[in-house]
Protein backbone atom coordinates (compact mmCIF):
# COMPACT_ATOMS: atom_id res chain seq x y z
CA UNK A 1 -51.68 34.40 134.07
CA UNK A 2 -52.03 30.68 133.28
CA UNK A 3 -55.48 29.09 133.22
CA UNK A 4 -54.65 26.86 136.21
CA UNK A 5 -53.61 29.90 138.26
CA UNK A 6 -56.87 31.66 137.40
CA UNK A 7 -58.91 28.62 138.48
CA UNK A 8 -56.90 28.32 141.67
CA UNK A 9 -57.45 32.01 142.47
CA UNK A 10 -61.13 31.77 141.64
CA UNK A 11 -61.75 28.77 143.93
CA UNK A 12 -61.29 30.58 147.32
CA UNK A 13 -63.44 33.45 146.08
CA UNK A 14 -66.21 31.04 145.04
CA UNK A 15 -65.98 29.37 148.45
CA UNK A 16 -66.37 32.73 150.19
CA UNK A 17 -69.42 33.49 148.08
CA UNK A 18 -70.94 30.14 149.00
CA UNK A 19 -70.35 30.79 152.69
CA UNK A 20 -71.97 34.22 152.41
CA UNK A 21 -74.98 32.82 150.55
CA UNK A 22 -75.39 29.95 153.01
CA UNK A 23 -75.15 32.32 155.99
CA UNK A 24 -77.70 34.70 154.48
CA UNK A 25 -80.10 31.84 153.71
CA UNK A 26 -79.70 30.43 157.22
CA UNK A 27 -80.42 33.80 158.84
CA UNK A 28 -83.43 34.31 156.58
CA UNK A 29 -84.85 30.91 157.57
CA UNK A 30 -84.36 31.72 161.25
CA UNK A 31 -86.03 35.12 160.77
CA UNK A 32 -89.02 33.50 159.04
CA UNK A 33 -89.25 30.88 161.80
CA UNK A 34 -89.23 33.60 164.46
CA UNK A 35 -91.89 35.73 162.75
CA UNK A 36 -94.37 33.05 161.58
CA UNK A 37 -96.24 30.06 162.92
CA UNK A 38 -95.70 27.76 159.95
CA UNK A 39 -97.94 25.26 158.19
CA UNK A 40 -100.53 22.74 159.39
CA UNK A 41 -97.69 20.35 160.23
CA UNK A 42 -96.54 22.63 163.06
CA UNK A 43 -100.03 22.56 164.56
CA UNK A 44 -100.08 18.77 164.36
CA UNK A 45 -96.63 18.44 165.96
CA UNK A 46 -97.76 20.70 168.82
CA UNK A 47 -100.87 18.58 169.33
CA UNK A 48 -98.68 15.45 169.18
CA UNK A 49 -96.45 16.83 171.92
CA UNK A 50 -99.43 17.64 174.14
CA UNK A 51 -100.83 14.12 173.64
CA UNK A 52 -97.39 12.64 174.33
CA UNK A 53 -97.11 14.50 177.63
CA UNK A 54 -100.62 13.57 178.73
CA UNK A 55 -101.03 9.96 177.58
CA UNK A 56 -97.65 8.67 176.43
CA UNK A 57 -96.16 7.51 173.14
CA UNK A 58 -98.23 4.36 172.61
CA UNK A 59 -101.47 6.36 172.95
CA UNK A 60 -100.17 8.80 170.33
CA UNK A 61 -99.75 5.95 167.84
CA UNK A 62 -103.06 4.36 168.84
CA UNK A 63 -105.47 7.31 169.14
CA UNK A 64 -104.21 10.28 167.18
CA UNK A 65 -104.83 13.78 168.49
CA UNK A 66 -108.01 15.79 169.02
CA UNK A 67 -108.05 19.45 168.07
CA UNK A 68 -110.56 22.17 167.26
CA UNK A 69 -109.52 22.34 163.61
CA UNK A 70 -108.84 18.74 162.49
CA UNK A 71 -111.54 16.26 161.52
CA UNK A 72 -115.30 16.34 161.25
CA UNK A 73 -117.52 18.29 163.70
CA UNK A 74 -118.02 16.21 166.80
CA UNK A 75 -114.84 14.24 166.16
CA UNK A 76 -111.94 16.61 165.52
CA UNK A 77 -109.51 13.69 165.43
CA UNK A 78 -106.30 13.83 163.38
CA UNK A 79 -104.72 10.61 162.09
CA UNK A 80 -102.52 8.68 164.54
CA UNK A 81 -98.80 9.38 164.73
CA UNK A 82 -97.09 8.08 161.58
CA UNK A 83 -93.44 9.00 162.22
CA UNK A 84 -90.77 6.48 163.30
CA UNK A 85 -90.39 6.18 167.11
CA UNK A 86 -87.23 8.30 167.24
CA UNK A 87 -89.42 11.31 166.51
CA UNK A 88 -90.97 10.83 169.96
CA UNK A 89 -87.55 11.68 171.43
CA UNK A 90 -87.11 14.57 168.98
CA UNK A 91 -90.51 15.99 169.95
CA UNK A 92 -89.61 15.76 173.62
CA UNK A 93 -86.28 17.48 172.91
CA UNK A 94 -87.92 20.35 171.03
CA UNK A 95 -90.45 20.61 173.84
CA UNK A 96 -87.64 20.92 176.41
CA UNK A 97 -85.97 23.64 174.32
CA UNK A 98 -89.31 25.42 174.12
CA UNK A 99 -89.73 25.42 177.91
CA UNK A 100 -86.19 26.69 178.44
CA UNK A 101 -86.23 29.40 175.77
CA UNK A 102 -89.86 30.43 175.68
CA UNK A 103 -89.87 29.93 171.90
CA UNK A 104 -92.43 27.50 170.41
CA UNK A 105 -91.48 24.02 169.23
CA UNK A 106 -92.29 25.14 165.69
CA UNK A 107 -89.32 27.47 165.86
CA UNK A 108 -86.93 24.80 167.13
CA UNK A 109 -88.15 22.33 164.52
CA UNK A 110 -87.46 24.84 161.75
CA UNK A 111 -84.17 25.95 163.30
CA UNK A 112 -83.04 22.30 163.19
CA UNK A 113 -84.07 22.12 159.52
CA UNK A 114 -82.08 25.29 158.73
CA UNK A 115 -79.00 23.84 160.44
CA UNK A 116 -79.45 20.57 158.53
CA UNK A 117 -79.49 22.52 155.25
CA UNK A 118 -76.07 23.99 156.08
CA UNK A 119 -74.75 20.48 156.74
CA UNK A 120 -76.25 19.25 153.45
CA UNK A 121 -74.48 22.01 151.53
CA UNK A 122 -71.13 21.05 153.08
CA UNK A 123 -71.66 17.40 152.14
CA UNK A 124 -72.67 18.16 148.55
CA UNK A 125 -69.66 20.43 148.14
CA UNK A 126 -67.40 17.61 149.27
CA UNK A 127 -69.03 15.05 147.01
CA UNK A 128 -68.77 17.34 143.98
CA UNK A 129 -65.16 18.26 144.73
CA UNK A 130 -63.91 16.77 141.46
CA UNK A 131 -66.16 19.08 139.39
CA UNK A 132 -66.36 22.03 141.80
CA UNK A 133 -64.26 24.29 139.54
CA UNK A 134 -66.63 23.74 136.64
CA UNK A 135 -68.67 26.97 136.15
CA UNK A 136 -71.94 25.02 135.90
CA UNK A 137 -71.26 23.23 139.17
CA UNK A 138 -70.26 26.47 140.89
CA UNK A 139 -73.51 28.14 139.82
CA UNK A 140 -75.55 25.09 140.88
CA UNK A 141 -73.86 25.06 144.31
CA UNK A 142 -74.55 28.77 144.74
CA UNK A 143 -78.19 28.17 143.85
CA UNK A 144 -78.28 25.31 146.34
CA UNK A 145 -76.86 27.50 149.09
CA UNK A 146 -79.71 29.99 148.59
CA UNK A 147 -82.35 27.54 147.36
CA UNK A 148 -85.82 29.14 147.54
CA UNK A 149 -87.39 25.72 148.06
CA UNK A 150 -85.17 25.11 151.10
CA UNK A 151 -85.93 28.60 152.44
CA UNK A 152 -89.68 28.01 152.16
CA UNK A 153 -89.71 24.45 153.55
CA UNK A 154 -87.08 24.84 156.29
CA UNK A 155 -87.92 28.41 157.23
CA UNK A 156 -91.70 28.30 157.05
CA UNK A 157 -93.29 24.88 156.56
CA UNK A 158 -92.14 22.99 159.65
CA UNK A 159 -91.50 19.31 159.02
CA UNK A 160 -88.52 16.99 159.31
CA UNK A 161 -87.77 16.36 155.62
CA UNK A 162 -84.58 18.52 155.44
CA UNK A 163 -83.20 16.74 158.53
CA UNK A 164 -83.84 13.35 156.96
CA UNK A 165 -82.14 14.43 153.72
CA UNK A 166 -79.04 15.55 155.63
CA UNK A 167 -78.56 12.06 157.08
CA UNK A 168 -79.17 10.44 153.67
CA UNK A 169 -76.47 12.67 152.18
CA UNK A 170 -74.18 11.83 155.10
CA UNK A 171 -74.62 8.12 154.38
CA UNK A 172 -73.91 8.62 150.68
CA UNK A 173 -70.83 10.70 151.46
CA UNK A 174 -69.49 8.06 153.84
CA UNK A 175 -69.87 5.46 151.07
CA UNK A 176 -68.43 7.70 148.34
CA UNK A 177 -65.40 8.58 150.48
CA UNK A 178 -64.78 4.95 151.50
CA UNK A 179 -65.53 5.47 155.19
CA UNK A 180 -66.42 2.37 157.25
CA UNK A 181 -69.54 0.71 155.84
CA UNK A 182 -71.17 0.38 159.26
CA UNK A 183 -70.86 4.15 159.71
CA UNK A 184 -72.65 4.78 156.42
CA UNK A 185 -75.32 2.30 157.50
CA UNK A 186 -75.67 4.08 160.83
CA UNK A 187 -76.30 7.38 159.01
CA UNK A 188 -78.96 5.79 156.81
CA UNK A 189 -80.51 4.18 159.89
CA UNK A 190 -80.68 7.62 161.47
CA UNK A 191 -82.35 9.03 158.34
CA UNK A 192 -84.93 6.21 158.42
CA UNK A 193 -85.52 7.01 162.10
CA UNK A 194 -86.78 10.44 161.03
CA UNK A 195 -88.84 9.32 158.02
CA UNK A 196 -89.04 5.80 156.65
CA UNK A 197 -88.44 6.84 153.01
CA UNK A 198 -84.62 6.26 153.04
CA UNK A 199 -85.12 2.48 153.17
CA UNK A 200 -85.81 2.76 149.42
CA UNK A 201 -82.18 3.81 148.93
CA UNK A 202 -80.74 0.92 150.94
CA UNK A 203 -80.50 -1.52 147.96
CA UNK A 204 -78.57 1.05 145.91
CA UNK A 205 -76.23 1.67 148.83
CA UNK A 206 -75.65 -2.05 149.30
CA UNK A 207 -74.93 -2.55 145.59
CA UNK A 208 -72.30 0.19 145.73
CA UNK A 209 -70.27 -1.84 148.24
CA UNK A 210 -67.84 -4.52 147.04
CA UNK A 211 -68.30 -7.83 148.79
CA UNK A 212 -70.64 -9.36 151.38
CA UNK A 213 -68.60 -8.32 154.44
CA UNK A 214 -69.04 -4.61 153.79
CA UNK A 215 -72.69 -5.09 152.89
CA UNK A 216 -73.35 -6.94 156.13
CA UNK A 217 -71.57 -4.19 158.05
CA UNK A 218 -73.71 -1.53 156.35
CA UNK A 219 -76.95 -3.39 157.07
CA UNK A 220 -75.93 -4.07 160.67
CA UNK A 221 -75.13 -0.40 161.26
CA UNK A 222 -78.45 0.72 159.80
CA UNK A 223 -80.55 -1.78 161.74
CA UNK A 224 -78.69 -1.20 165.01
CA UNK A 225 -79.14 2.58 164.90
CA UNK A 226 -82.79 2.35 163.85
CA UNK A 227 -83.61 -0.10 166.66
CA UNK A 228 -81.67 1.87 169.27
CA UNK A 229 -83.34 5.13 168.22
CA UNK A 230 -86.77 3.47 168.32
CA UNK A 231 -86.58 2.25 171.90
CA UNK A 232 -88.48 1.91 174.15
CA UNK A 233 -91.60 2.65 172.08
CA UNK A 234 -90.97 -0.06 169.50
CA UNK A 235 -90.57 -2.66 172.25
CA UNK A 236 -93.79 -1.56 173.96
CA UNK A 237 -96.07 -1.81 170.92
CA UNK A 238 -94.16 -3.24 167.93
CA UNK A 239 -97.16 -4.24 165.81
CA UNK A 240 -98.93 -0.90 166.31
CA UNK A 241 -95.83 1.16 165.53
CA UNK A 242 -94.92 -0.84 162.41
CA UNK A 243 -98.49 -0.67 161.12
CA UNK A 244 -98.69 3.10 161.56
CA UNK A 245 -95.26 3.89 160.11
CA UNK A 246 -95.40 1.55 157.10
CA UNK A 247 -99.11 2.04 156.44
CA UNK A 248 -98.97 5.79 155.92
CA UNK A 249 -99.88 6.75 152.36
CA UNK A 250 -99.78 10.58 152.39
CA UNK A 251 -102.29 12.81 150.60
CA UNK A 252 -103.61 11.54 147.28
CA UNK A 253 -105.04 13.63 144.49
CA UNK A 254 -103.33 16.98 143.87
CA UNK A 255 -100.00 15.79 142.44
CA UNK A 256 -98.95 13.95 139.33
CA UNK A 257 -100.42 10.59 138.47
CA UNK A 258 -102.79 10.63 141.43
CA UNK A 259 -104.32 13.88 140.12
CA UNK A 260 -105.06 12.31 136.73
CA UNK A 261 -106.40 9.18 138.41
CA UNK A 262 -108.75 11.29 140.51
CA UNK A 263 -109.82 13.27 137.44
CA UNK A 264 -110.78 10.01 135.69
CA UNK A 265 -113.75 9.67 138.06
CA UNK A 266 -115.48 12.42 136.07
CA UNK A 267 -115.70 10.14 133.03
CA UNK A 268 -117.62 6.84 133.50
CA UNK A 269 -115.67 5.18 130.68
CA UNK A 270 -112.33 5.51 132.46
CA UNK A 271 -113.39 5.74 136.11
CA UNK A 272 -111.74 2.35 136.64
CA UNK A 273 -108.37 4.12 136.40
CA UNK A 274 -108.91 5.63 139.86
CA UNK A 275 -109.68 2.23 141.43
CA UNK A 276 -106.62 0.64 139.83
CA UNK A 277 -104.37 3.50 140.90
CA UNK A 278 -105.71 3.46 144.46
CA UNK A 279 -105.27 -0.29 144.78
CA UNK A 280 -102.01 -0.86 142.96
CA UNK A 281 -100.32 2.54 142.55
CA UNK A 282 -98.15 2.27 145.64
CA UNK A 283 -97.02 -1.30 144.87
CA UNK A 284 -96.21 -0.51 141.23
CA UNK A 285 -94.25 2.61 142.25
CA UNK A 286 -92.16 0.62 144.74
CA UNK A 287 -91.45 -2.10 142.17
CA UNK A 288 -90.33 0.47 139.61
CA UNK A 289 -88.04 2.10 142.17
CA UNK A 290 -86.56 -1.30 142.98
CA UNK A 291 -86.02 -2.03 139.29
CA UNK A 292 -84.36 1.35 138.77
CA UNK A 293 -81.92 0.47 141.55
CA UNK A 294 -80.41 -2.27 139.38
CA UNK A 295 -80.49 -0.61 135.95
CA UNK A 296 -78.52 0.80 134.32
CA UNK A 297 -75.40 -0.52 136.01
CA UNK A 298 -72.93 2.36 136.50
CA UNK A 299 -69.19 2.20 136.13
CA UNK A 300 -67.28 2.67 139.40
CA UNK A 301 -66.67 6.42 139.37
CA UNK A 302 -66.75 9.46 141.66
CA UNK A 303 -70.30 10.40 142.65
CA UNK A 304 -71.85 7.29 141.08
CA UNK A 305 -73.98 6.64 144.18
CA UNK A 306 -74.82 10.33 144.52
CA UNK A 307 -76.17 10.28 140.95
CA UNK A 308 -78.02 7.03 141.51
CA UNK A 309 -79.65 8.29 144.72
CA UNK A 310 -80.68 11.52 142.99
CA UNK A 311 -82.26 9.56 140.15
CA UNK A 312 -84.21 7.36 142.58
CA UNK A 313 -85.47 10.37 144.53
CA UNK A 314 -86.67 12.14 141.38
CA UNK A 315 -88.21 8.94 140.05
CA UNK A 316 -90.03 8.35 143.33
CA UNK A 317 -91.54 11.84 143.38
CA UNK A 318 -92.53 11.39 139.73
CA UNK A 319 -94.45 8.21 140.55
CA UNK A 320 -95.62 8.68 144.12
CA UNK A 321 -99.37 8.15 144.66
CA UNK A 322 -99.27 10.40 147.76
CA UNK A 323 -97.83 13.86 148.19
CA UNK A 324 -97.06 16.69 150.60
CA UNK A 325 -95.61 19.99 149.41
CA UNK A 326 -92.66 19.65 151.81
CA UNK A 327 -91.54 16.62 149.77
CA UNK A 328 -90.02 19.06 147.29
CA UNK A 329 -87.16 19.43 149.79
CA UNK A 330 -86.21 15.81 149.07
CA UNK A 331 -84.87 16.78 145.64
CA UNK A 332 -83.09 20.05 146.44
CA UNK A 333 -79.51 18.67 146.87
CA UNK A 334 -79.51 15.97 144.19
CA UNK A 335 -80.37 18.16 141.19
CA UNK A 336 -77.12 20.06 141.72
CA UNK A 337 -75.24 17.10 140.22
CA UNK A 338 -76.90 17.82 136.85
CA UNK A 339 -75.55 21.38 136.66
CA UNK A 340 -77.01 24.84 136.70
CA UNK A 341 -79.69 24.39 134.01
CA UNK A 342 -81.63 21.61 135.74
CA UNK A 343 -81.10 23.27 139.12
CA UNK A 344 -82.57 26.60 137.98
CA UNK A 345 -85.51 24.85 136.32
CA UNK A 346 -86.43 22.80 139.38
CA UNK A 347 -85.92 25.58 141.91
CA UNK A 348 -88.08 28.03 139.92
CA UNK A 349 -90.89 25.52 139.36
CA UNK A 350 -90.83 24.35 142.98
CA UNK A 351 -90.66 27.86 144.45
CA UNK A 352 -93.57 29.11 142.32
CA UNK A 353 -95.65 26.12 143.42
CA UNK A 354 -94.83 26.57 147.11
CA UNK A 355 -95.43 30.33 147.06
CA UNK A 356 -98.88 29.85 145.56
CA UNK A 357 -99.73 26.98 147.93
CA UNK A 358 -98.75 28.80 151.14
CA UNK A 359 -100.50 31.99 150.00
CA UNK A 360 -103.72 30.05 149.36
CA UNK A 361 -103.45 28.14 152.65
CA UNK A 362 -102.68 31.31 154.64
CA UNK A 363 -105.26 33.44 152.84
CA UNK A 364 -102.84 36.33 152.47
CA UNK A 365 -99.23 37.34 152.00
CA UNK A 366 -97.00 37.60 153.99
CA UNK A 367 -97.95 34.37 155.69
CA UNK A 368 -98.25 33.69 159.38
CA UNK A 369 -100.18 30.40 159.59
CA UNK A 370 -100.91 28.34 156.48
CA UNK A 371 -103.46 25.86 157.82
CA UNK A 372 -104.79 23.85 154.89
CA UNK A 373 -107.28 22.12 157.21
CA UNK A 374 -109.18 25.36 157.72
CA UNK A 375 -108.80 26.84 154.25
CA UNK A 376 -108.71 25.16 150.85
CA UNK A 377 -105.16 25.40 149.51
CA UNK A 378 -105.65 23.49 146.26
CA UNK A 379 -107.00 26.27 144.07
CA UNK A 380 -106.89 26.08 140.28
CA UNK A 381 -103.70 28.15 140.22
CA UNK A 382 -102.01 25.99 142.84
CA UNK A 383 -102.95 22.76 141.08
CA UNK A 384 -101.73 24.14 137.73
CA UNK A 385 -98.37 25.21 139.16
CA UNK A 386 -98.11 21.86 140.95
CA UNK A 387 -98.62 19.97 137.69
CA UNK A 388 -95.97 22.13 136.00
CA UNK A 389 -93.58 21.31 138.84
CA UNK A 390 -94.41 17.60 138.50
CA UNK A 391 -93.65 17.72 134.76
CA UNK A 392 -90.31 19.36 135.56
CA UNK A 393 -89.57 16.58 138.08
CA UNK A 394 -90.40 13.94 135.44
CA UNK A 395 -88.17 15.67 132.87
CA UNK A 396 -85.25 15.76 135.31
CA UNK A 397 -85.78 12.07 136.10
CA UNK A 398 -85.43 11.45 132.34
CA UNK A 399 -82.23 13.52 132.26
CA UNK A 400 -80.91 11.27 135.03
CA UNK A 401 -81.75 8.21 132.91
CA UNK A 402 -79.71 9.58 130.03
CA UNK A 403 -76.78 10.42 132.33
CA UNK A 404 -76.83 6.98 133.95
CA UNK A 405 -77.09 5.20 130.62
CA UNK A 406 -74.07 7.12 129.36
CA UNK A 407 -72.12 5.85 132.38
CA UNK A 408 -73.45 2.30 132.38
CA UNK A 409 -71.42 -0.89 132.40
CA UNK A 410 -72.36 -2.95 129.33
CA UNK A 411 -72.86 -6.66 130.03
CA UNK A 412 -69.97 -8.90 128.99
């Protein structure tokens, strides 16, 4: 049989295997969501919903929530709501599903994440269509379908990161497949309505479009969807909402550069490193991300924006001064573009880190509730595995640099 016939026969079989893996992973995530409570984030979302029902959305942004497990004795106040206003509607929707079904909002949140993962797989398969018959790509896609990081974050953790990533991928796919620019902008606007991070990818998306008309259409679609999804809360308290959403800095200390900056406090000679990192780390990271958007300039080619977006996501998590373990879900789809080697490396490092973190936060295995506010999760083992994972992320960002340089457009 000719080689082309073998490849053609192998393709439907590989597709069936992907479907089976994706279905198994989806069912496993749903089973975990049904049998566990989740992480601290689920507790906070439940408290947010209760505050929303009692006092309204503006009070949620202004006051935060009071619980028996968050904050100092006598206070027990969690930070104010830091999500974009659309998440008020999402919370209300999950709350309505909870009342109808009798299942907690933590389940519906994680069910939505599991469904988003299926959509992300479909989009990545379409974007890698030109290389899908390559054995390395097929293995990477199979690993993506059953990604242990996605299973742990979507099935157990309980936050909106996988949903956000789906809409980012949808925007990239619209641009790669030459769909209307305003539609791609609308998808990115929806992603930014879930978490504000995708605005960092907007310059790269705009640069991928030829001509000002398409760029204006993309920007108009993004802004229109973000504003529409943010109403009426944004109109009621615009300054408060913008301050809370843009001012959030995440947890500093246990990841990457912020860990080393925190460790510098132990030595008087270099304790200034911590002050510099605290004051300027976020600004420097954003400037480096912006610079990486423009260099190196890629040739127009299939998946050029997919590669660029993956590089920016890995670079951001390499540099970020704040961290949450669920952020590892941000990188799950993009590494597939680099083939099976990088995919295996990242998935193993990320899964080992997450397994150790949730076990420490839950106090036992199997987990039911991993509440890091009641139990210290950052043990020596967890921190060590986290630093190994961070090094892997940095190495993959470097691999992206080499790939992008190989595809760059040299100046005339």
